[in-house]
PDB file of N, CA and C in Angstrom:
ATOM      1  N   MET A   1      15.870 -15.418   7.080  1.00  0.00           N
ATOM      2  CA  MET A   1      15.842 -14.086   6.503  1.00  0.00           C
ATOM      3  C   MET A   1      14.516 -13.417   6.856  1.00  0.00           C
ATOM      4  N   ALA A   2      14.587 -12.183   7.254  1.00  0.00           N
ATOM      5  CA  ALA A   2      13.391 -11.452   7.683  1.00  0.00           C
ATOM      6  C   ALA A   2      12.518 -11.097   6.482  1.00  0.00           C
ATOM      7  N   LYS A   3      11.228 -11.020   6.756  1.00  0.00           N
ATOM      8  CA  LYS A   3      10.272 -10.658   5.720  1.00  0.00           C
ATOM      9  C   LYS A   3      10.368  -9.163   5.429  1.00  0.00           C
ATOM     10  N   LYS A   4      10.328  -8.812   4.140  1.00  0.00           N
ATOM     11  CA  LYS A   4      10.435  -7.407   3.768  1.00  0.00           C
ATOM     12  C   LYS A   4       9.090  -6.713   3.907  1.00  0.00           C
ATOM     13  N   ASN A   5       9.166  -5.458   4.260  1.00  0.00           N
ATOM     14  CA  ASN A   5       7.986  -4.617   4.337  1.00  0.00           C
ATOM     15  C   ASN A   5       7.528  -4.291   2.912  1.00  0.00           C
ATOM     16  N   PRO A   6       6.233  -4.417   2.581  1.00  0.00           N
ATOM     17  CA  PRO A   6       5.770  -4.103   1.225  1.00  0.00           C
ATOM     18  C   PRO A   6       6.039  -2.653   0.835  1.00  0.00           C
ATOM     19  N   ASN A   7       6.084  -1.752   1.806  1.00  0.00           N
ATOM     20  CA  ASN A   7       6.366  -0.351   1.485  1.00  0.00           C
ATOM     21  C   ASN A   7       7.780  -0.170   0.965  1.00  0.00           C
ATOM     22  N   GLU A   8       8.713  -1.018   1.420  1.00  0.00           N
ATOM     23  CA  GLU A   8      10.078  -0.940   0.913  1.00  0.00           C
ATOM     24  C   GLU A   8      10.123  -1.325  -0.558  1.00  0.00           C
ATOM     25  N   ALA A   9       9.315  -2.298  -0.946  1.00  0.00           N
ATOM     26  CA  ALA A   9       9.257  -2.698  -2.350  1.00  0.00           C
ATOM     27  C   ALA A   9       8.680  -1.570  -3.200  1.00  0.00           C
ATOM     28  N   ASN A  10       7.641  -0.891  -2.692  1.00  0.00           N
ATOM     29  CA  ASN A  10       7.064   0.236  -3.419  1.00  0.00           C
ATOM     30  C   ASN A  10       8.087   1.346  -3.595  1.00  0.00           C
ATOM     31  N   LEU A  11       8.890   1.566  -2.583  1.00  0.00           N
ATOM     32  CA  LEU A  11       9.904   2.610  -2.645  1.00  0.00           C
ATOM     33  C   LEU A  11      10.940   2.290  -3.708  1.00  0.00           C
ATOM     34  N   GLY A  12      11.347   1.041  -3.785  1.00  0.00           N
ATOM     35  CA  GLY A  12      12.318   0.632  -4.798  1.00  0.00           C
ATOM     36  C   GLY A  12      11.776   0.754  -6.207  1.00  0.00           C
ATOM     37  N   VAL A  13      10.534   0.356  -6.389  1.00  0.00           N
ATOM     38  CA  VAL A  13       9.905   0.449  -7.708  1.00  0.00           C
ATOM     39  C   VAL A  13       9.741   1.917  -8.104  1.00  0.00           C
ATOM     40  N   GLY A  14       9.316   2.746  -7.159  1.00  0.00           N
ATOM     41  CA  GLY A  14       9.162   4.175  -7.449  1.00  0.00           C
ATOM     42  C   GLY A  14      10.482   4.827  -7.803  1.00  0.00           C
ATOM     43  N   ALA A  15      11.534   4.468  -7.085  1.00  0.00           N
ATOM     44  CA  ALA A  15      12.858   5.026  -7.381  1.00  0.00           C
ATOM     45  C   ALA A  15      13.332   4.585  -8.757  1.00  0.00           C
ATOM     46  N   ALA A  16      13.113   3.320  -9.093  1.00  0.00           N
ATOM     47  CA  ALA A  16      13.540   2.816 -10.400  1.00  0.00           C
ATOM     48  C   ALA A  16      12.774   3.484 -11.536  1.00  0.00           C
ATOM     49  N   LEU A  17      11.460   3.623 -11.364  1.00  0.00           N
ATOM     50  CA  LEU A  17      10.671   4.291 -12.398  1.00  0.00           C
ATOM     51  C   LEU A  17      11.047   5.764 -12.511  1.00  0.00           C
ATOM     52  N   GLY A  18      11.301   6.397 -11.376  1.00  0.00           N
ATOM     53  CA  GLY A  18      11.723   7.791 -11.397  1.00  0.00           C
ATOM     54  C   GLY A  18      13.055   7.977 -12.104  1.00  0.00           C
ATOM     55  N   LEU A  19      13.984   7.040 -11.894  1.00  0.00           N
ATOM     56  CA  LEU A  19      15.264   7.106 -12.596  1.00  0.00           C
ATOM     57  C   LEU A  19      15.076   6.954 -14.097  1.00  0.00           C
ATOM     58  N   CYS A  20      14.189   6.060 -14.506  1.00  0.00           N
ATOM     59  CA  CYS A  20      13.916   5.876 -15.937  1.00  0.00           C
ATOM     60  C   CYS A  20      13.312   7.129 -16.555  1.00  0.00           C
ATOM     61  N   VAL A  21      12.352   7.701 -15.860  1.00  0.00           N
ATOM     62  CA  VAL A  21      11.720   8.925 -16.370  1.00  0.00           C
ATOM     63  C   VAL A  21      12.731  10.074 -16.390  1.00  0.00           C
ATOM     64  N   GLY A  22      13.512  10.187 -15.326  1.00  0.00           N
ATOM     65  CA  GLY A  22      14.516  11.242 -15.263  1.00  0.00           C
ATOM     66  C   GLY A  22      15.570  11.102 -16.342  1.00  0.00           C
ATOM     67  N   MET A  23      16.002   9.874 -16.605  1.00  0.00           N
ATOM     68  CA  MET A  23      16.982   9.641 -17.660  1.00  0.00           C
ATOM     69  C   MET A  23      16.399   9.976 -19.025  1.00  0.00           C
ATOM     70  N   SER A  24      15.148   9.589 -19.250  1.00  0.00           N
ATOM     71  CA  SER A  24      14.502   9.872 -20.528  1.00  0.00           C
ATOM     72  C   SER A  24      14.363  11.376 -20.752  1.00  0.00           C
ATOM     73  N   LEU A  25      13.878  12.073 -19.728  1.00  0.00           N
ATOM     74  CA  LEU A  25      13.740  13.529 -19.860  1.00  0.00           C
ATOM     75  C   LEU A  25      15.102  14.206 -20.005  1.00  0.00           C
ATOM     76  N   GLY A  26      16.093  13.695 -19.299  1.00  0.00           N
ATOM     77  CA  GLY A  26      17.436  14.245 -19.409  1.00  0.00           C
ATOM     78  C   GLY A  26      18.025  14.074 -20.791  1.00  0.00           C
ATOM     79  N   LEU A  27      17.774  12.925 -21.402  1.00  0.00           N
ATOM     80  CA  LEU A  27      18.264  12.707 -22.760  1.00  0.00           C
ATOM     81  C   LEU A  27      17.531  13.589 -23.757  1.00  0.00           C
ATOM     82  N   LEU A  28      16.232  13.741 -23.562  1.00  0.00           N
ATOM     83  CA  LEU A  28      15.448  14.570 -24.481  1.00  0.00           C
ATOM     84  C   LEU A  28      15.839  16.052 -24.408  1.00  0.00           C
ATOM     85  N   THR A  29      16.093  16.529 -23.198  1.00  0.00           N
ATOM     86  CA  THR A  29      16.405  17.947 -23.020  1.00  0.00           C
ATOM     87  C   THR A  29      17.905  18.222 -22.978  1.00  0.00           C
ATOM     88  N   ASP A  30      18.713  17.164 -23.107  1.00  0.00           N
ATOM     89  CA  ASP A  30      20.172  17.269 -23.061  1.00  0.00           C
ATOM     90  C   ASP A  30      20.643  17.876 -21.744  1.00  0.00           C
ATOM     91  N   ASN A  31      19.987  17.454 -20.653  1.00  0.00           N
ATOM     92  CA  ASN A  31      20.353  17.947 -19.331  1.00  0.00           C
ATOM     93  C   ASN A  31      20.137  16.821 -18.309  1.00  0.00           C
ATOM     94  N   ILE A  32      20.953  15.781 -18.424  1.00  0.00           N
ATOM     95  CA  ILE A  32      20.806  14.613 -17.545  1.00  0.00           C
ATOM     96  C   ILE A  32      21.118  14.984 -16.102  1.00  0.00           C
ATOM     97  N   GLY A  33      22.053  15.898 -15.904  1.00  0.00           N
ATOM     98  CA  GLY A  33      22.433  16.291 -14.550  1.00  0.00           C
ATOM     99  C   GLY A  33      21.288  16.890 -13.759  1.00  0.00           C
ATOM    100  N   LEU A  34      20.344  17.494 -14.431  1.00  0.00           N
ATOM    101  CA  LEU A  34      19.182  18.072 -13.751  1.00  0.00           C
ATOM    102  C   LEU A  34      18.087  17.032 -13.567  1.00  0.00           C
ATOM    103  N   TRP A  35      17.755  16.319 -14.636  1.00  0.00           N
ATOM    104  CA  TRP A  35      16.575  15.467 -14.621  1.00  0.00           C
ATOM    105  C   TRP A  35      16.757  14.135 -13.921  1.00  0.00           C
ATOM    106  N   LEU A  36      17.977  13.628 -13.854  1.00  0.00           N
ATOM    107  CA  LEU A  36      18.183  12.350 -13.166  1.00  0.00           C
ATOM    108  C   LEU A  36      17.850  12.436 -11.679  1.00  0.00           C
ATOM    109  N   PRO A  37      18.394  13.399 -10.923  1.00  0.00           N
ATOM    110  CA  PRO A  37      17.999  13.486  -9.508  1.00  0.00           C
ATOM    111  C   PRO A  37      16.551  13.934  -9.317  1.00  0.00           C
ATOM    112  N   LEU A  38      16.040  14.775 -10.218  1.00  0.00           N
ATOM    113  CA  LEU A  38      14.633  15.170 -10.103  1.00  0.00           C
ATOM    114  C   LEU A  38      13.708  13.971 -10.318  1.00  0.00           C
ATOM    115  N   GLY A  39      14.024  13.135 -11.286  1.00  0.00           N
ATOM    116  CA  GLY A  39      13.229  11.935 -11.523  1.00  0.00           C
ATOM    117  C   GLY A  39      13.277  10.989 -10.339  1.00  0.00           C
ATOM    118  N   LEU A  40      14.464  10.838  -9.751  1.00  0.00           N
ATOM    119  CA  LEU A  40      14.607   9.979  -8.566  1.00  0.00           C
ATOM    120  C   LEU A  40      13.772  10.512  -7.411  1.00  0.00           C
ATOM    121  N   ALA A  41      13.843  11.812  -7.172  1.00  0.00           N
ATOM    122  CA  ALA A  41      13.081  12.417  -6.076  1.00  0.00           C
ATOM    123  C   ALA A  41      11.574  12.308  -6.310  1.00  0.00           C
ATOM    124  N   MET A  42      11.144  12.577  -7.537  1.00  0.00           N
ATOM    125  CA  MET A  42       9.711  12.493  -7.826  1.00  0.00           C
ATOM    126  C   MET A  42       9.204  11.062  -7.748  1.00  0.00           C
ATOM    127  N   GLY A  43       9.964  10.113  -8.260  1.00  0.00           N
ATOM    128  CA  GLY A  43       9.549   8.710  -8.199  1.00  0.00           C
ATOM    129  C   GLY A  43       9.457   8.199  -6.775  1.00  0.00           C
ATOM    130  N   THR A  44      10.426   8.573  -5.948  1.00  0.00           N
ATOM    131  CA  THR A  44      10.412   8.164  -4.555  1.00  0.00           C
ATOM    132  C   THR A  44       9.263   8.824  -3.802  1.00  0.00           C
ATOM    133  N   GLY A  45       9.039  10.105  -4.072  1.00  0.00           N
ATOM    134  CA  GLY A  45       7.937  10.816  -3.416  1.00  0.00           C
ATOM    135  C   GLY A  45       6.583  10.244  -3.780  1.00  0.00           C
ATOM    136  N   ILE A  46       6.399   9.924  -5.039  1.00  0.00           N
ATOM    137  CA  ILE A  46       5.128   9.342  -5.473  1.00  0.00           C
ATOM    138  C   ILE A  46       4.928   7.966  -4.846  1.00  0.00           C
ATOM    139  N   ALA A  47       6.011   7.177  -4.759  1.00  0.00           N
ATOM    140  CA  ALA A  47       5.905   5.860  -4.125  1.00  0.00           C
ATOM    141  C   ALA A  47       5.525   5.986  -2.655  1.00  0.00           C
ATOM    142  N   LEU A  48       6.081   6.966  -1.968  1.00  0.00           N
ATOM    143  CA  LEU A  48       5.723   7.173  -0.562  1.00  0.00           C
ATOM    144  C   LEU A  48       4.275   7.617  -0.418  1.00  0.00           C
ATOM    145  N   LEU A  49       3.820   8.488  -1.307  1.00  0.00           N
ATOM    146  CA  LEU A  49       2.421   8.921  -1.260  1.00  0.00           C
ATOM    147  C   LEU A  49       1.476   7.758  -1.505  1.00  0.00           C
ATOM    148  N   VAL A  50       1.802   6.915  -2.470  1.00  0.00           N
ATOM    149  CA  VAL A  50       0.949   5.769  -2.781  1.00  0.00           C
ATOM    150  C   VAL A  50       0.936   4.790  -1.616  1.00  0.00           C
ATOM    151  N   SER A  51       2.099   4.543  -1.009  1.00  0.00           N
ATOM    152  CA  SER A  51       2.130   3.591   0.105  1.00  0.00           C
ATOM    153  C   SER A  51       1.384   4.136   1.317  1.00  0.00           C
ATOM    154  N   ASN A  52       1.443   5.442   1.556  1.00  0.00           N
ATOM    155  CA  ASN A  52       0.694   6.030   2.667  1.00  0.00           C
ATOM    156  C   ASN A  52      -0.804   6.003   2.394  1.00  0.00           C
ATOM    157  N   ALA A  53      -1.203   6.211   1.150  1.00  0.00           N
ATOM    158  CA  ALA A  53      -2.625   6.192   0.813  1.00  0.00           C
ATOM    159  C   ALA A  53      -3.189   4.787   0.954  1.00  0.00           C
ATOM    160  N   THR A  54      -2.410   3.769   0.600  1.00  0.00           N
ATOM    161  CA  THR A  54      -2.913   2.403   0.719  1.00  0.00           C
ATOM    162  C   THR A  54      -2.896   1.926   2.164  1.00  0.00           C
ATOM    163  N   ASP A  55      -2.044   2.513   3.005  1.00  0.00           N
ATOM    164  CA  ASP A  55      -2.020   2.145   4.421  1.00  0.00           C
ATOM    165  C   ASP A  55      -3.285   2.605   5.137  1.00  0.00           C
ATOM    166  N   LYS A  56      -3.804   3.763   4.759  1.00  0.00           N
ATOM    167  CA  LYS A  56      -5.013   4.282   5.401  1.00  0.00           C
ATOM    168  C   LYS A  56      -6.202   3.390   5.090  1.00  0.00           C
ATOM    169  N   GLY A  57      -6.355   3.021   3.830  1.00  0.00           N
ATOM    170  CA  GLY A  57      -7.387   2.066   3.456  1.00  0.00           C
ATOM    171  C   GLY A  57      -8.768   2.640   3.278  1.00  0.00           C
ATOM    172  N   ASP A  58      -9.125   3.735   3.945  1.00  0.00           N
ATOM    173  CA  ASP A  58     -10.502   4.222   3.836  1.00  0.00           C
ATOM    174  C   ASP A  58     -10.663   5.250   2.723  1.00  0.00           C
ATOM    175  N   GLY A  59      -9.577   5.805   2.213  1.00  0.00           N
ATOM    176  CA  GLY A  59      -9.670   6.763   1.130  1.00  0.00           C
ATOM    177  C   GLY A  59     -10.109   8.140   1.564  1.00  0.00           C
ATOM    178  N   ASP A  60     -10.443   8.335   2.834  1.00  0.00           N
ATOM    179  CA  ASP A  60     -10.872   9.629   3.331  1.00  0.00           C
ATOM    180  C   ASP A  60      -9.671  10.338   3.938  1.00  0.00           C
ATOM    181  N   ASP A  61      -9.129  11.313   3.206  1.00  0.00           N
ATOM    182  CA  ASP A  61      -7.950  11.995   3.702  1.00  0.00           C
ATOM    183  C   ASP A  61      -8.277  13.361   4.306  1.00  0.00           C
ATOM    184  N   THR A  62      -9.563  13.596   4.604  1.00  0.00           N
ATOM    185  CA  THR A  62      -9.934  14.877   5.189  1.00  0.00           C
ATOM    186  C   THR A  62      -9.688  14.894   6.682  1.00  0.00           C
ATOM    187  N   GLY A  63      -9.664  13.749   7.310  1.00  0.00           N
ATOM    188  CA  GLY A  63      -9.431  13.652   8.738  1.00  0.00           C
ATOM    189  C   GLY A  63     -10.631  14.020   9.586  1.00  0.00           C
ATOM    190  N   LYS A  64     -11.810  14.121   8.950  1.00  0.00           N
ATOM    191  CA  LYS A  64     -12.998  14.562   9.703  1.00  0.00           C
ATOM    192  C   LYS A  64     -13.855  13.410  10.180  1.00  0.00           C
ATOM    193  N   GLY A  65     -13.785  12.266   9.558  1.00  0.00           N
ATOM    194  CA  GLY A  65     -14.620  11.146   9.991  1.00  0.00           C
ATOM    195  C   GLY A  65     -15.970  11.159   9.331  1.00  0.00           C
ATOM    196  N   GLU A  66     -16.913  10.415   9.880  1.00  0.00           N
ATOM    197  CA  GLU A  66     -18.216  10.223   9.280  1.00  0.00           C
ATOM    198  C   GLU A  66     -19.094  11.472   9.239  1.00  0.00           C
ATOM    199  N   GLY A  67     -19.286  12.100  10.356  1.00  0.00           N
ATOM    200  CA  GLY A  67     -20.228  13.203  10.421  1.00  0.00           C
ATOM    201  C   GLY A  67     -19.664  14.562  10.045  1.00  0.00           C
ATOM    202  N   GLY A  68     -18.399  14.630   9.744  1.00  0.00           N
ATOM    203  CA  GLY A  68     -17.799  15.897   9.407  1.00  0.00           C
ATOM    204  C   GLY A  68     -17.442  16.718  10.649  1.00  0.00           C
ATOM    205  N   LYS A  69     -17.649  16.142  11.829  1.00  0.00           N
ATOM    206  CA  LYS A  69     -17.319  16.844  13.070  1.00  0.00           C
ATOM    207  C   LYS A  69     -16.006  16.312  13.609  1.00  0.00           C
ATOM    208  N   ARG A  70     -15.301  17.146  14.309  1.00  0.00           N
ATOM    209  CA  ARG A  70     -14.040  16.719  14.916  1.00  0.00           C
ATOM    210  C   ARG A  70     -14.226  16.438  16.361  1.00  0.00           C
TER     211      ARG A  70
END
């Protein structure tokens, strides 16, 4: 069996958490049809952002490098 990519695990966790948040907000506002897909989309998007930020490793997202020159 092939080894799984850690980013795939982050995506699954983000989707699951987003579904939980979306379901909770949907129950609170009595509009599950709106909040369930929104929660899924937000959870997946946040998981992708987190996985991309950890892939870079340096924390510098300006793209300028050390001296600020391109």
